[in-house]
Amino acid sequence: MTQPNTHRGTSPSMTVVPDPDWQPWSQAWTRHAAVLTGRTDLHVVVAPGAGGGAPECFYPALRRIEIDATYIADNPVVADPRKAGHKRVVPTGYGLLVHGAAHAAHSQWQTPPGTAPILAEVAELLEESRAERQQRTRRRADRRWLRHMINAVVHPGTAPVDDAWHAGVLAALLLARVDARILTSKDVTSIRTAVTTVLGRQRLRQLRDIWKHAHTVNDTDATTMIELARQWCTILGIDPTQQPQIPTADPGAFPGRLAQALSDFLATTAGLTPADYQAQLHHRQHSAPSNWPHTTPTAQHQTAARHLADRLQQARTRHLEPGVRSSALPPGRLHPRHAITADAQKAANQTPTAQPWRQRTQLPPPKPTLHLGVLVDLSGSMRTYATELSSAAWILAHAARRGHAVTTTIGFGNRTTLLVAPHSRPEQILHMQTEGGTHTFGEAVKLADQLLNLRHARTLRLLAVVSDGALADKPAAQKLITTLHRAGCAVLWLHLTGMARHTFANTTSLTVTDPIDAVTRIADAAVTAVETA
């Protein structure tokens, strides 16, 4: 389920099961909500899974603030919520409470019946920063805690594609918080650059005028909020009467500048490098289920990994070309500058590192690093292939280190699973388990692109897919494949013999007879790609 961008609901989408372990937090924060809001009729529910899919949500009709306990801590005994100092122990969780209190105190208007969903969504997006600005004006110290919860309420998948709608969403959620005096201009430099690239300076200025106007709207003025939402849509080129529904991202488009800027922003606010943040995100979203079995690789697996590494290494050095190499000894052409450096090093009783002689010889040509992604269909029809392809993932990962390659293996089915990450050498073989469906093929391709830079021409790129091609969304899959093909990434599609198949354009399609054949074809394709680079 996609995390909502707004945090005010009409009724919970799911029933929250009270957790006795978190009951002291619910009671303590219910009492504290009166201090934050000035209202005595509210109650707070803290429990795992609360919030209707969001980290926090306020339900006006129920006079209830729900907070997902997983954003507070793993264990409720981390702090005593009755003591004032607990907020410093769980700043993100307490920030969510303040955010919910801001809505409870200042989001008094209700969307009029019959309002187009897109207008209601835009109005709620504008309400996020408006409510926080009002809360900060009334309680200046709350800004500190509202800054802490930004990483929780802004989802990393908020801007999956570069289009006007999603650029506007980022602007409303982050740039508007600068004018609400929650974030600073420096905080959102990358976001502003990406949004400006997509929208242009003029449209962004017009959107800013709208959210600044929204910040001055009365707490109960629904009419003005909906009118501002209508103006927002007009600026983005959307007619709510013709397109009343909330726009969705094109599943056949790769993430772009907006997604990268958002990832960098969230990494910075979390105090992590972009690489570390992405690694944590992938572990949280795409790690294998805990019930998938592990086995110790056999001597046969280790031999296969060494053999493949040797093949990759030979492919890089098979065709020698005339070249020049440095040498500490003659024969060759002497370079005086390097000779003087070598003499100086000797005079200083240092080991000479300068190599003053240049020799003509036959050398392996420089070749780019191979980036190989393997996508495995985990639908029920792939059951007989799962074991061998799991072993292949281990073999490829270990061969890549010696063979100057980077590989990753990803399974797609009802969820996307990162079996082996790039640059990793797993000690054990993780065995994939088949399941129903192929719904996440597009997500798997985008994950492989993110991990291996499949759309960037600086490397040698190959994507191998083992599947019958019976995907849930074939047009979107074809669009993704075509994008990779045009970017110079070869796509190898391995079909299973004896099964119905769908052949995609811009792929090299092969039929394999058994799992061993599939593994051999992938290895051969990798070696051939390096040889011909």
Protein backbone atom coordinates (compact mmCIF):
# COMPACT_ATOMS: atom_id res chain seq x y z
CA MET A 1 0.00 0.00 0.00
CA THR A 2 1.33 3.44 -0.94
CA GLN A 3 1.83 5.80 1.99
CA PRO A 4 -0.52 8.82 1.86
CA ASN A 5 1.01 12.28 1.50
CA THR A 6 -1.65 13.88 3.70
CA HIS A 7 -2.53 13.08 7.31
CA ARG A 8 -6.15 13.96 7.88
CA GLY A 9 -8.79 11.33 7.23
CA THR A 10 -12.52 10.82 7.45
CA SER A 11 -12.43 7.30 8.89
CA PRO A 12 -9.72 4.67 9.40
CA SER A 13 -9.16 2.40 6.40
CA MET A 14 -8.37 -0.44 8.78
CA THR A 15 -9.24 -1.32 12.34
CA VAL A 16 -6.42 -0.62 14.77
CA VAL A 17 -5.84 -3.39 17.29
CA PRO A 18 -4.82 -1.80 20.60
CA ASP A 19 -1.46 -2.99 21.83
CA PRO A 20 -1.23 -3.33 25.62
CA ASP A 21 2.52 -2.67 25.51
CA TRP A 22 1.94 0.73 23.94
CA GLN A 23 -1.08 1.64 26.09
CA PRO A 24 1.02 3.85 28.46
CA TRP A 25 2.10 5.89 25.44
CA SER A 26 -1.50 6.32 24.31
CA GLN A 27 -2.55 7.47 27.76
CA ALA A 28 0.39 9.83 28.30
CA TRP A 29 0.12 11.39 24.85
CA THR A 30 -3.64 11.78 25.18
CA ARG A 31 -3.03 13.95 28.24
CA HIS A 32 -0.25 15.84 26.47
CA ALA A 33 -2.42 16.46 23.39
CA ALA A 34 -4.45 18.91 25.43
CA VAL A 35 -1.29 20.98 25.98
CA LEU A 36 -0.38 20.89 22.28
CA THR A 37 -3.84 21.72 20.95
CA GLY A 38 -5.80 23.47 23.68
CA ARG A 39 -8.50 20.80 23.23
CA THR A 40 -9.61 18.38 25.93
CA ASP A 41 -11.79 16.13 23.76
CA LEU A 42 -8.99 14.36 21.88
CA HIS A 43 -7.50 10.96 22.42
CA VAL A 44 -4.33 9.51 20.98
CA VAL A 45 -3.86 5.91 19.84
CA VAL A 46 -0.31 4.59 19.60
CA ALA A 47 -0.04 1.10 18.16
CA PRO A 48 1.81 -0.76 15.42
CA GLY A 49 -0.05 -0.22 12.14
CA ALA A 50 -2.06 2.77 13.35
CA GLY A 51 -2.42 5.80 11.08
CA GLY A 52 -4.31 4.21 8.19
CA GLY A 53 -1.13 3.41 6.24
CA ALA A 54 0.54 6.72 7.14
CA PRO A 55 2.90 7.28 10.07
CA GLU A 56 0.26 9.51 11.67
CA CYS A 57 -3.30 10.55 10.90
CA PHE A 58 -5.89 12.77 12.54
CA TYR A 59 -9.56 11.78 12.28
CA PRO A 60 -11.71 14.87 13.00
CA ALA A 61 -15.02 12.99 13.26
CA LEU A 62 -13.54 10.59 15.80
CA ARG A 63 -11.49 13.32 17.56
CA ARG A 64 -8.58 10.87 17.40
CA ILE A 65 -4.90 11.07 16.52
CA GLU A 66 -3.40 7.75 15.45
CA ILE A 67 0.37 7.21 15.42
CA ASP A 68 2.14 4.14 14.06
CA ALA A 69 4.34 2.89 16.88
CA THR A 70 6.95 1.54 14.46
CA TYR A 71 8.03 5.14 13.82
CA ILE A 72 8.63 5.70 17.52
CA ALA A 73 10.81 2.77 18.52
CA ASP A 74 11.10 -1.00 18.29
CA ASN A 75 10.34 -1.36 21.98
CA PRO A 76 7.92 0.71 24.09
CA VAL A 77 10.32 0.67 27.06
CA VAL A 78 12.76 2.90 25.18
CA ALA A 79 11.51 5.86 27.23
CA ASP A 80 8.88 6.86 29.77
CA PRO A 81 6.26 8.97 27.91
CA ARG A 82 5.13 10.54 31.19
CA LYS A 83 8.46 12.36 31.53
CA ALA A 84 9.22 15.52 29.59
CA GLY A 85 12.64 14.25 28.49
CA HIS A 86 11.21 11.34 26.51
CA LYS A 87 10.73 13.55 23.46
CA ARG A 88 14.50 13.81 23.03
CA VAL A 89 14.76 10.02 22.96
CA VAL A 90 12.06 9.61 20.29
CA PRO A 91 12.14 12.92 18.34
CA THR A 92 10.52 11.48 15.20
CA GLY A 93 7.63 9.93 17.12
CA TYR A 94 7.07 13.08 19.15
CA GLY A 95 7.22 15.12 15.95
CA LEU A 96 4.39 12.99 14.57
CA LEU A 97 2.34 13.76 17.68
CA VAL A 98 2.95 17.50 17.18
CA HIS A 99 1.99 17.17 13.52
CA GLY A 100 -1.26 15.45 14.44
CA ALA A 101 -1.88 18.11 17.06
CA ALA A 102 -1.41 20.82 14.43
CA HIS A 103 -4.19 19.27 12.36
CA ALA A 104 -6.40 18.79 15.41
CA ALA A 105 -6.01 22.44 16.41
CA HIS A 106 -6.09 24.17 13.03
CA SER A 107 -7.54 21.89 10.31
CA GLN A 108 -11.13 22.75 11.15
CA TRP A 109 -12.45 22.98 7.59
CA GLN A 110 -14.04 20.03 5.80
CA THR A 111 -14.00 19.24 2.08
CA PRO A 112 -17.47 20.11 0.65
CA PRO A 113 -19.47 17.14 -0.67
CA GLY A 114 -19.12 16.60 -4.41
CA THR A 115 -15.64 18.12 -4.63
CA ALA A 116 -13.49 16.54 -7.32
CA PRO A 117 -10.92 14.16 -5.75
CA ILE A 118 -8.03 16.02 -7.35
CA LEU A 119 -9.16 19.32 -5.79
CA ALA A 120 -9.56 17.65 -2.40
CA GLU A 121 -6.06 16.19 -2.68
CA VAL A 122 -4.44 19.51 -3.57
CA ALA A 123 -6.28 21.27 -0.76
CA GLU A 124 -5.03 18.65 1.71
CA LEU A 125 -1.47 19.04 0.39
CA LEU A 126 -1.68 22.77 1.01
CA GLU A 127 -3.17 22.10 4.43
CA GLU A 128 -0.04 20.22 5.54
CA SER A 129 2.19 23.31 5.64
CA ARG A 130 -0.70 25.65 6.58
CA ALA A 131 -1.49 23.69 9.76
CA GLU A 132 2.18 23.45 10.70
CA ARG A 133 2.65 27.19 10.21
CA GLN A 134 -0.29 27.90 12.49
CA GLN A 135 1.08 25.49 15.09
CA ARG A 136 4.52 27.09 14.95
CA THR A 137 2.98 30.57 15.30
CA ARG A 138 1.10 29.47 18.40
CA ARG A 139 3.91 27.31 19.85
CA ARG A 140 7.29 28.37 18.45
CA ALA A 141 9.25 25.56 20.13
CA ASP A 142 7.26 22.94 18.19
CA ARG A 143 9.25 23.74 15.01
CA ARG A 144 12.12 21.60 16.29
CA TRP A 145 9.94 18.52 16.50
CA LEU A 146 8.14 19.17 13.22
CA ARG A 147 11.53 19.15 11.48
CA HIS A 148 12.32 15.76 13.00
CA MET A 149 9.29 14.04 11.51
CA ILE A 150 9.81 15.15 7.87
CA ASN A 151 11.56 11.88 6.97
CA ALA A 152 8.54 9.95 8.22
CA VAL A 153 5.70 11.88 6.58
CA VAL A 154 7.38 12.41 3.19
CA HIS A 155 7.59 9.02 1.49
CA PRO A 156 10.60 8.25 -0.75
CA GLY A 157 8.19 7.20 -3.52
CA THR A 158 6.35 10.53 -3.54
CA ALA A 159 7.79 11.57 -6.95
CA PRO A 160 8.25 8.40 -9.02
CA VAL A 161 8.30 10.25 -12.37
CA ASP A 162 9.19 13.70 -13.67
CA ASP A 163 5.87 15.35 -14.50
CA ALA A 164 4.06 18.52 -13.50
CA TRP A 165 1.74 16.85 -10.99
CA HIS A 166 4.48 15.15 -8.98
CA ALA A 167 6.68 18.24 -9.13
CA GLY A 168 3.74 20.15 -7.64
CA VAL A 169 3.34 17.54 -4.89
CA LEU A 170 6.99 17.93 -3.88
CA ALA A 171 6.64 21.70 -3.95
CA ALA A 172 3.58 21.60 -1.69
CA LEU A 173 5.13 19.17 0.78
CA LEU A 174 8.64 20.61 1.04
CA LEU A 175 9.06 24.03 -0.56
CA ALA A 176 5.89 25.30 1.10
CA ARG A 177 7.32 24.30 4.49
CA VAL A 178 10.10 26.84 3.93
CA ASP A 179 7.56 29.67 3.83
CA ALA A 180 5.85 28.04 6.81
CA ARG A 181 9.21 28.47 8.58
CA ILE A 182 9.59 24.77 9.33
CA LEU A 183 12.40 24.03 6.86
CA THR A 184 15.09 26.37 5.56
CA SER A 185 15.97 27.27 1.99
CA LYS A 186 19.25 25.42 2.37
CA ASP A 187 17.40 22.25 3.39
CA VAL A 188 15.54 22.05 0.07
CA THR A 189 18.13 23.33 -2.40
CA SER A 190 18.16 20.10 -4.42
CA ILE A 191 14.36 19.85 -4.32
CA ARG A 192 13.93 23.41 -5.59
CA THR A 193 16.40 22.79 -8.44
CA ALA A 194 14.62 19.61 -9.56
CA VAL A 195 11.13 21.14 -9.31
CA THR A 196 12.27 24.22 -11.23
CA THR A 197 13.70 21.98 -13.95
CA VAL A 198 10.35 20.24 -14.39
CA LEU A 199 7.98 23.18 -13.94
CA GLY A 200 10.02 26.23 -14.87
CA ARG A 201 10.57 29.33 -12.76
CA GLN A 202 7.34 31.08 -13.72
CA ARG A 203 5.03 28.24 -12.78
CA LEU A 204 6.89 27.63 -9.54
CA ARG A 205 6.49 31.32 -8.61
CA GLN A 206 2.76 31.05 -9.30
CA LEU A 207 2.48 27.95 -7.11
CA ARG A 208 4.37 29.72 -4.35
CA ASP A 209 1.88 32.58 -4.41
CA ILE A 210 -0.87 30.02 -3.88
CA TRP A 211 0.68 28.26 -0.90
CA LYS A 212 1.61 31.58 0.70
CA HIS A 213 -2.03 32.62 0.32
CA ALA A 214 -3.09 29.28 1.86
CA HIS A 215 -0.94 30.01 4.91
CA THR A 216 -3.14 33.03 5.66
CA VAL A 217 -6.50 31.23 5.27
CA ASN A 218 -8.72 30.89 8.33
CA ASP A 219 -8.89 27.49 10.01
CA THR A 220 -12.53 27.01 8.96
CA ASP A 221 -12.44 28.45 5.42
CA ALA A 222 -13.01 25.44 3.14
CA THR A 223 -14.22 27.58 0.21
CA THR A 224 -10.92 29.43 -0.15
CA MET A 225 -8.86 26.23 0.20
CA ILE A 226 -10.80 24.54 -2.62
CA GLU A 227 -10.51 27.64 -4.80
CA LEU A 228 -6.76 27.72 -4.26
CA ALA A 229 -6.64 24.04 -5.20
CA ARG A 230 -8.49 24.87 -8.43
CA GLN A 231 -5.95 27.59 -9.25
CA TRP A 232 -3.13 25.14 -8.50
CA CYS A 233 -4.51 22.64 -11.02
CA THR A 234 -4.89 25.36 -13.65
CA ILE A 235 -1.23 26.33 -13.30
CA LEU A 236 -0.23 22.68 -13.74
CA GLY A 237 -2.36 22.42 -16.88
CA ILE A 238 -5.02 20.19 -15.33
CA ASP A 239 -8.75 20.81 -15.78
CA PRO A 240 -10.55 19.30 -12.75
CA THR A 241 -13.79 19.07 -14.69
CA GLN A 242 -12.13 16.90 -17.35
CA GLN A 243 -9.70 15.10 -15.05
CA PRO A 244 -11.33 14.86 -11.62
CA GLN A 245 -9.24 11.91 -10.42
CA ILE A 246 -5.80 12.20 -8.83
CA PRO A 247 -3.10 11.64 -11.51
CA THR A 248 -1.04 8.48 -11.21
CA ALA A 249 2.52 7.89 -12.32
CA ASP A 250 3.19 6.23 -15.67
CA PRO A 251 4.29 2.67 -14.73
CA GLY A 252 6.41 2.54 -17.88
CA ALA A 253 8.55 5.56 -16.94
CA PHE A 254 11.77 5.47 -14.94
CA PRO A 255 12.35 7.79 -11.95
CA GLY A 256 14.14 11.01 -12.78
CA ARG A 257 15.40 14.25 -11.26
CA LEU A 258 12.57 14.57 -8.74
CA ALA A 259 13.15 11.12 -7.26
CA GLN A 260 16.91 11.68 -7.05
CA ALA A 261 16.51 15.06 -5.39
CA LEU A 262 14.02 13.65 -2.89
CA SER A 263 16.34 10.75 -2.07
CA ASP A 264 19.24 13.14 -1.48
CA PHE A 265 17.04 15.35 0.73
CA LEU A 266 15.81 12.43 2.85
CA ALA A 267 19.37 11.10 3.18
CA THR A 268 20.62 14.47 4.40
CA THR A 269 17.82 14.90 6.92
CA ALA A 270 18.50 11.38 8.20
CA GLY A 271 22.19 12.19 8.61
CA LEU A 272 23.26 9.57 6.06
CA THR A 273 25.10 9.53 2.78
CA PRO A 274 22.84 8.95 -0.26
CA ALA A 275 24.38 5.49 -0.73
CA ASP A 276 23.78 4.47 2.90
CA TYR A 277 20.23 5.82 2.79
CA GLN A 278 19.45 3.86 -0.37
CA ALA A 279 20.95 0.71 1.15
CA GLN A 280 18.72 1.07 4.22
CA LEU A 281 15.69 1.74 2.02
CA HIS A 282 16.33 -1.31 -0.14
CA HIS A 283 16.80 -3.48 2.94
CA ARG A 284 13.51 -2.24 4.38
CA GLN A 285 11.50 -2.56 1.17
CA HIS A 286 13.08 -5.43 -0.75
CA SER A 287 14.81 -7.77 1.68
CA ALA A 288 13.97 -11.45 1.36
CA PRO A 289 11.33 -12.95 3.70
CA SER A 290 12.79 -14.47 6.84
CA ASN A 291 11.35 -17.91 6.00
CA TRP A 292 13.39 -18.29 2.80
CA PRO A 293 15.94 -21.07 3.45
CA HIS A 294 19.73 -20.78 3.27
CA THR A 295 22.19 -23.51 2.34
CA THR A 296 25.97 -23.72 2.35
CA PRO A 297 27.51 -23.63 -1.14
CA THR A 298 29.07 -26.88 -2.26
CA ALA A 299 32.50 -27.43 -3.82
CA GLN A 300 30.72 -27.57 -7.18
CA HIS A 301 29.30 -24.08 -6.65
CA GLN A 302 32.71 -22.71 -5.70
CA THR A 303 34.31 -24.31 -8.75
CA ALA A 304 31.62 -22.84 -11.01
CA ALA A 305 32.24 -19.36 -9.56
CA ARG A 306 36.01 -19.64 -10.16
CA HIS A 307 35.45 -20.94 -13.69
CA LEU A 308 33.11 -18.07 -14.58
CA ALA A 309 35.52 -15.53 -13.07
CA ASP A 310 38.32 -16.99 -15.21
CA ARG A 311 36.15 -16.76 -18.31
CA LEU A 312 35.31 -13.14 -17.61
CA GLN A 313 38.97 -12.33 -16.99
CA GLN A 314 40.04 -14.06 -20.20
CA ALA A 315 37.36 -12.19 -22.13
CA ARG A 316 38.90 -8.93 -20.97
CA THR A 317 42.44 -9.91 -21.98
CA ARG A 318 41.95 -12.22 -24.98
CA HIS A 319 42.50 -9.69 -27.78
CA LEU A 320 45.75 -7.83 -27.17
CA GLU A 321 46.40 -4.45 -28.78
CA PRO A 322 49.57 -2.33 -29.25
CA GLY A 323 50.18 -0.16 -26.24
CA VAL A 324 52.75 1.46 -23.96
CA ARG A 325 53.57 0.49 -20.41
CA SER A 326 55.87 1.95 -17.76
CA SER A 327 58.89 0.08 -16.46
CA ALA A 328 61.63 0.67 -13.92
CA LEU A 329 64.22 -1.00 -16.20
CA PRO A 330 65.21 -0.68 -19.87
CA PRO A 331 64.73 -1.27 -22.75
CA GLY A 332 62.45 1.51 -23.89
CA ARG A 333 62.33 5.29 -24.13
CA LEU A 334 63.67 7.18 -21.12
CA HIS A 335 61.53 9.96 -19.65
CA PRO A 336 63.95 12.38 -17.93
CA ARG A 337 61.42 13.77 -15.47
CA HIS A 338 60.62 10.32 -14.10
CA ALA A 339 64.33 9.41 -14.07
CA ILE A 340 65.10 12.47 -11.96
CA THR A 341 62.25 11.54 -9.61
CA ALA A 342 63.66 8.01 -9.24
CA ASP A 343 67.14 9.38 -8.47
CA ALA A 344 65.71 11.76 -5.88
CA GLN A 345 63.85 8.92 -4.21
CA LYS A 346 67.05 6.85 -4.04
CA ALA A 347 69.00 9.81 -2.62
CA ALA A 348 66.39 10.17 0.11
CA ASN A 349 66.73 6.44 0.97
CA GLN A 350 63.22 5.79 -0.29
CA THR A 351 62.07 2.87 -2.38
CA PRO A 352 61.86 4.19 -5.96
CA THR A 353 58.30 4.21 -7.26
CA ALA A 354 58.94 6.22 -10.43
CA GLN A 355 59.14 4.15 -13.62
CA PRO A 356 61.16 6.19 -16.13
CA TRP A 357 61.13 3.75 -19.06
CA ARG A 358 58.26 3.50 -21.60
CA GLN A 359 58.05 0.22 -23.47
CA ARG A 360 55.96 -0.67 -26.51
CA THR A 361 54.18 -3.97 -26.04
CA GLN A 362 50.92 -5.84 -26.57
CA LEU A 363 48.40 -5.03 -23.83
CA PRO A 364 44.77 -5.91 -23.12
CA PRO A 365 42.54 -3.08 -24.32
CA PRO A 366 40.76 -1.04 -21.65
CA LYS A 367 37.23 -2.33 -21.25
CA PRO A 368 34.31 -1.00 -19.24
CA THR A 369 33.04 -2.79 -16.16
CA LEU A 370 30.21 -5.21 -16.86
CA HIS A 371 27.00 -4.40 -14.99
CA LEU A 372 24.77 -7.49 -15.08
CA GLY A 373 21.25 -7.61 -13.68
CA VAL A 374 19.28 -10.87 -13.47
CA LEU A 375 15.52 -10.70 -12.98
CA VAL A 376 13.78 -13.92 -12.00
CA ASP A 377 10.06 -14.55 -12.36
CA LEU A 378 8.77 -15.93 -9.04
CA SER A 379 5.30 -16.90 -10.23
CA GLY A 380 4.16 -20.50 -9.72
CA SER A 381 5.28 -21.61 -13.19
CA MET A 382 8.92 -20.98 -12.21
CA ARG A 383 9.01 -23.44 -9.31
CA THR A 384 11.38 -25.91 -11.00
CA TYR A 385 13.84 -23.11 -11.86
CA ALA A 386 14.06 -21.44 -8.46
CA THR A 387 16.75 -23.66 -6.93
CA GLU A 388 19.26 -23.45 -9.79
CA LEU A 389 18.73 -19.73 -10.30
CA SER A 390 19.29 -19.17 -6.57
CA SER A 391 22.60 -20.97 -6.93
CA ALA A 392 23.36 -18.92 -10.04
CA ALA A 393 22.88 -15.71 -8.03
CA TRP A 394 25.56 -16.87 -5.56
CA ILE A 395 27.92 -17.94 -8.37
CA LEU A 396 27.54 -14.65 -10.26
CA ALA A 397 28.14 -12.59 -7.12
CA HIS A 398 31.39 -14.41 -6.32
CA ALA A 399 32.62 -14.49 -9.93
CA ALA A 400 31.98 -10.77 -10.36
CA ARG A 401 34.63 -9.77 -7.82
CA ARG A 402 37.46 -11.49 -9.69
CA GLY A 403 35.99 -10.84 -13.13
CA HIS A 404 35.75 -7.03 -12.78
CA ALA A 405 31.95 -7.07 -12.95
CA VAL A 406 29.02 -5.90 -10.86
CA THR A 407 25.96 -8.12 -10.60
CA THR A 408 22.63 -8.20 -8.84
CA THR A 409 19.81 -10.75 -8.79
CA ILE A 410 16.23 -9.64 -8.18
CA GLY A 411 13.06 -11.67 -7.93
CA PHE A 412 9.66 -10.31 -8.98
CA GLY A 413 6.23 -11.67 -8.18
CA ASN A 414 3.74 -10.27 -5.68
CA ARG A 415 6.68 -8.28 -4.28
CA THR A 416 10.15 -7.31 -5.45
CA THR A 417 12.94 -9.14 -3.61
CA LEU A 418 16.61 -8.19 -3.76
CA LEU A 419 18.27 -11.59 -3.59
CA VAL A 420 21.89 -10.46 -4.06
CA ALA A 421 22.91 -6.80 -3.93
CA PRO A 422 25.76 -5.36 -6.03
CA HIS A 423 29.29 -5.71 -4.62
CA SER A 424 28.12 -8.30 -2.10
CA ARG A 425 29.56 -11.80 -1.63
CA PRO A 426 26.99 -13.82 0.32
CA GLU A 427 28.37 -16.63 2.44
CA GLN A 428 25.31 -18.81 1.90
CA ILE A 429 22.90 -19.45 -0.94
CA LEU A 430 19.51 -17.85 -0.35
CA HIS A 431 16.82 -19.94 -2.02
CA MET A 432 14.02 -18.05 -3.74
CA GLN A 433 10.47 -19.24 -3.12
CA THR A 434 7.88 -18.98 -5.87
CA GLU A 435 4.55 -17.25 -5.34
CA GLY A 436 1.63 -16.06 -7.42
CA GLY A 437 1.65 -13.17 -9.88
CA THR A 438 4.18 -11.06 -11.76
CA HIS A 439 2.87 -7.66 -10.69
CA THR A 440 6.19 -6.14 -9.67
CA PHE A 441 8.19 -6.64 -12.89
CA GLY A 442 8.29 -2.89 -13.51
CA GLU A 443 9.46 -2.22 -9.96
CA ALA A 444 12.18 -4.87 -10.37
CA VAL A 445 13.46 -3.26 -13.59
CA LYS A 446 13.58 0.16 -11.93
CA LEU A 447 15.41 -1.30 -8.93
CA ALA A 448 17.98 -2.92 -11.22
CA ASP A 449 18.42 0.38 -13.04
CA GLN A 450 18.93 2.20 -9.75
CA LEU A 451 21.49 -0.34 -8.51
CA LEU A 452 23.43 -0.77 -11.77
CA ASN A 453 22.89 2.50 -13.69
CA LEU A 454 21.48 0.60 -16.66
CA ARG A 455 20.51 3.79 -18.49
CA HIS A 456 23.98 5.37 -18.28
CA ALA A 457 26.50 4.67 -21.02
CA ARG A 458 29.62 4.79 -18.83
CA THR A 459 29.51 1.03 -18.29
CA LEU A 460 28.82 -2.19 -20.19
CA ARG A 461 25.26 -3.17 -19.29
CA LEU A 462 23.22 -6.34 -19.65
CA LEU A 463 19.81 -7.22 -18.19
CA ALA A 464 18.81 -10.91 -18.24
CA VAL A 465 15.19 -11.86 -17.53
CA VAL A 466 14.05 -15.43 -16.88
CA SER A 467 10.28 -15.51 -17.40
CA ASP A 468 7.55 -16.72 -19.73
CA GLY A 469 6.62 -13.07 -20.33
CA ALA A 470 3.09 -13.41 -18.96
CA LEU A 471 3.30 -10.12 -17.10
CA ALA A 472 0.48 -8.22 -15.47
CA ASP A 473 1.17 -4.97 -17.39
CA LYS A 474 2.79 -5.78 -20.73
CA PRO A 475 2.58 -2.25 -22.26
CA ALA A 476 4.41 -0.74 -19.29
CA ALA A 477 6.99 -3.52 -19.38
CA GLN A 478 7.59 -2.95 -23.09
CA LYS A 479 8.04 0.77 -22.51
CA LEU A 480 10.68 0.13 -19.84
CA ILE A 481 12.50 -2.36 -22.06
CA THR A 482 12.47 0.06 -25.00
CA THR A 483 13.92 2.81 -22.81
CA LEU A 484 16.79 0.53 -21.77
CA HIS A 485 17.37 -0.56 -25.36
CA ARG A 486 17.60 3.02 -26.57
CA ALA A 487 20.04 3.77 -23.76
CA GLY A 488 22.34 1.01 -25.00
CA CYS A 489 21.49 -1.67 -22.41
CA ALA A 490 21.08 -5.12 -23.94
CA VAL A 491 18.09 -7.14 -22.69
CA LEU A 492 18.30 -10.95 -22.80
CA TRP A 493 14.96 -12.70 -22.31
CA LEU A 494 15.03 -16.41 -21.48
CA HIS A 495 11.75 -18.23 -22.17
CA LEU A 496 10.89 -21.59 -20.68
CA THR A 497 10.33 -24.45 -23.10
CA GLY A 498 6.86 -25.96 -23.18
CA MET A 499 5.14 -22.88 -21.74
CA ALA A 500 3.03 -20.17 -23.31
CA ARG A 501 5.22 -17.14 -23.96
CA HIS A 502 5.08 -13.51 -24.84
CA THR A 503 7.97 -12.01 -26.82
CA PHE A 504 8.86 -8.38 -26.18
CA ALA A 505 10.39 -6.12 -28.79
CA ASN A 506 13.96 -4.87 -28.38
CA THR A 507 15.06 -8.04 -26.58
CA THR A 508 17.22 -11.02 -27.53
CA SER A 509 14.86 -13.91 -26.85
CA LEU A 510 16.10 -17.45 -26.23
CA THR A 511 14.30 -20.63 -25.21
CA VAL A 512 15.89 -22.67 -22.45
CA THR A 513 15.16 -26.33 -21.85
CA ASP A 514 16.02 -26.56 -18.14
CA PRO A 515 17.41 -24.50 -15.25
CA ILE A 516 21.03 -25.46 -16.01
CA ASP A 517 20.57 -24.24 -19.57
CA ALA A 518 19.23 -20.91 -18.30
CA VAL A 519 22.25 -20.40 -16.03
CA THR A 520 24.64 -21.32 -18.86
CA ARG A 521 23.00 -18.88 -21.28
CA ILE A 522 23.30 -16.02 -18.78
CA ALA A 523 26.99 -16.78 -18.17
CA ASP A 524 27.68 -17.08 -21.91
CA ALA A 525 25.93 -13.78 -22.58
CA ALA A 526 28.01 -12.04 -19.91
CA VAL A 527 31.28 -13.40 -21.35
CA THR A 528 30.28 -12.50 -24.90
CA ALA A 529 29.36 -8.96 -23.84
CA VAL A 530 32.82 -8.45 -22.32
CA GLU A 531 34.60 -9.98 -25.33
CA THR A 532 32.84 -7.75 -27.83
CA ALA A 533 33.02 -4.54 -25.78
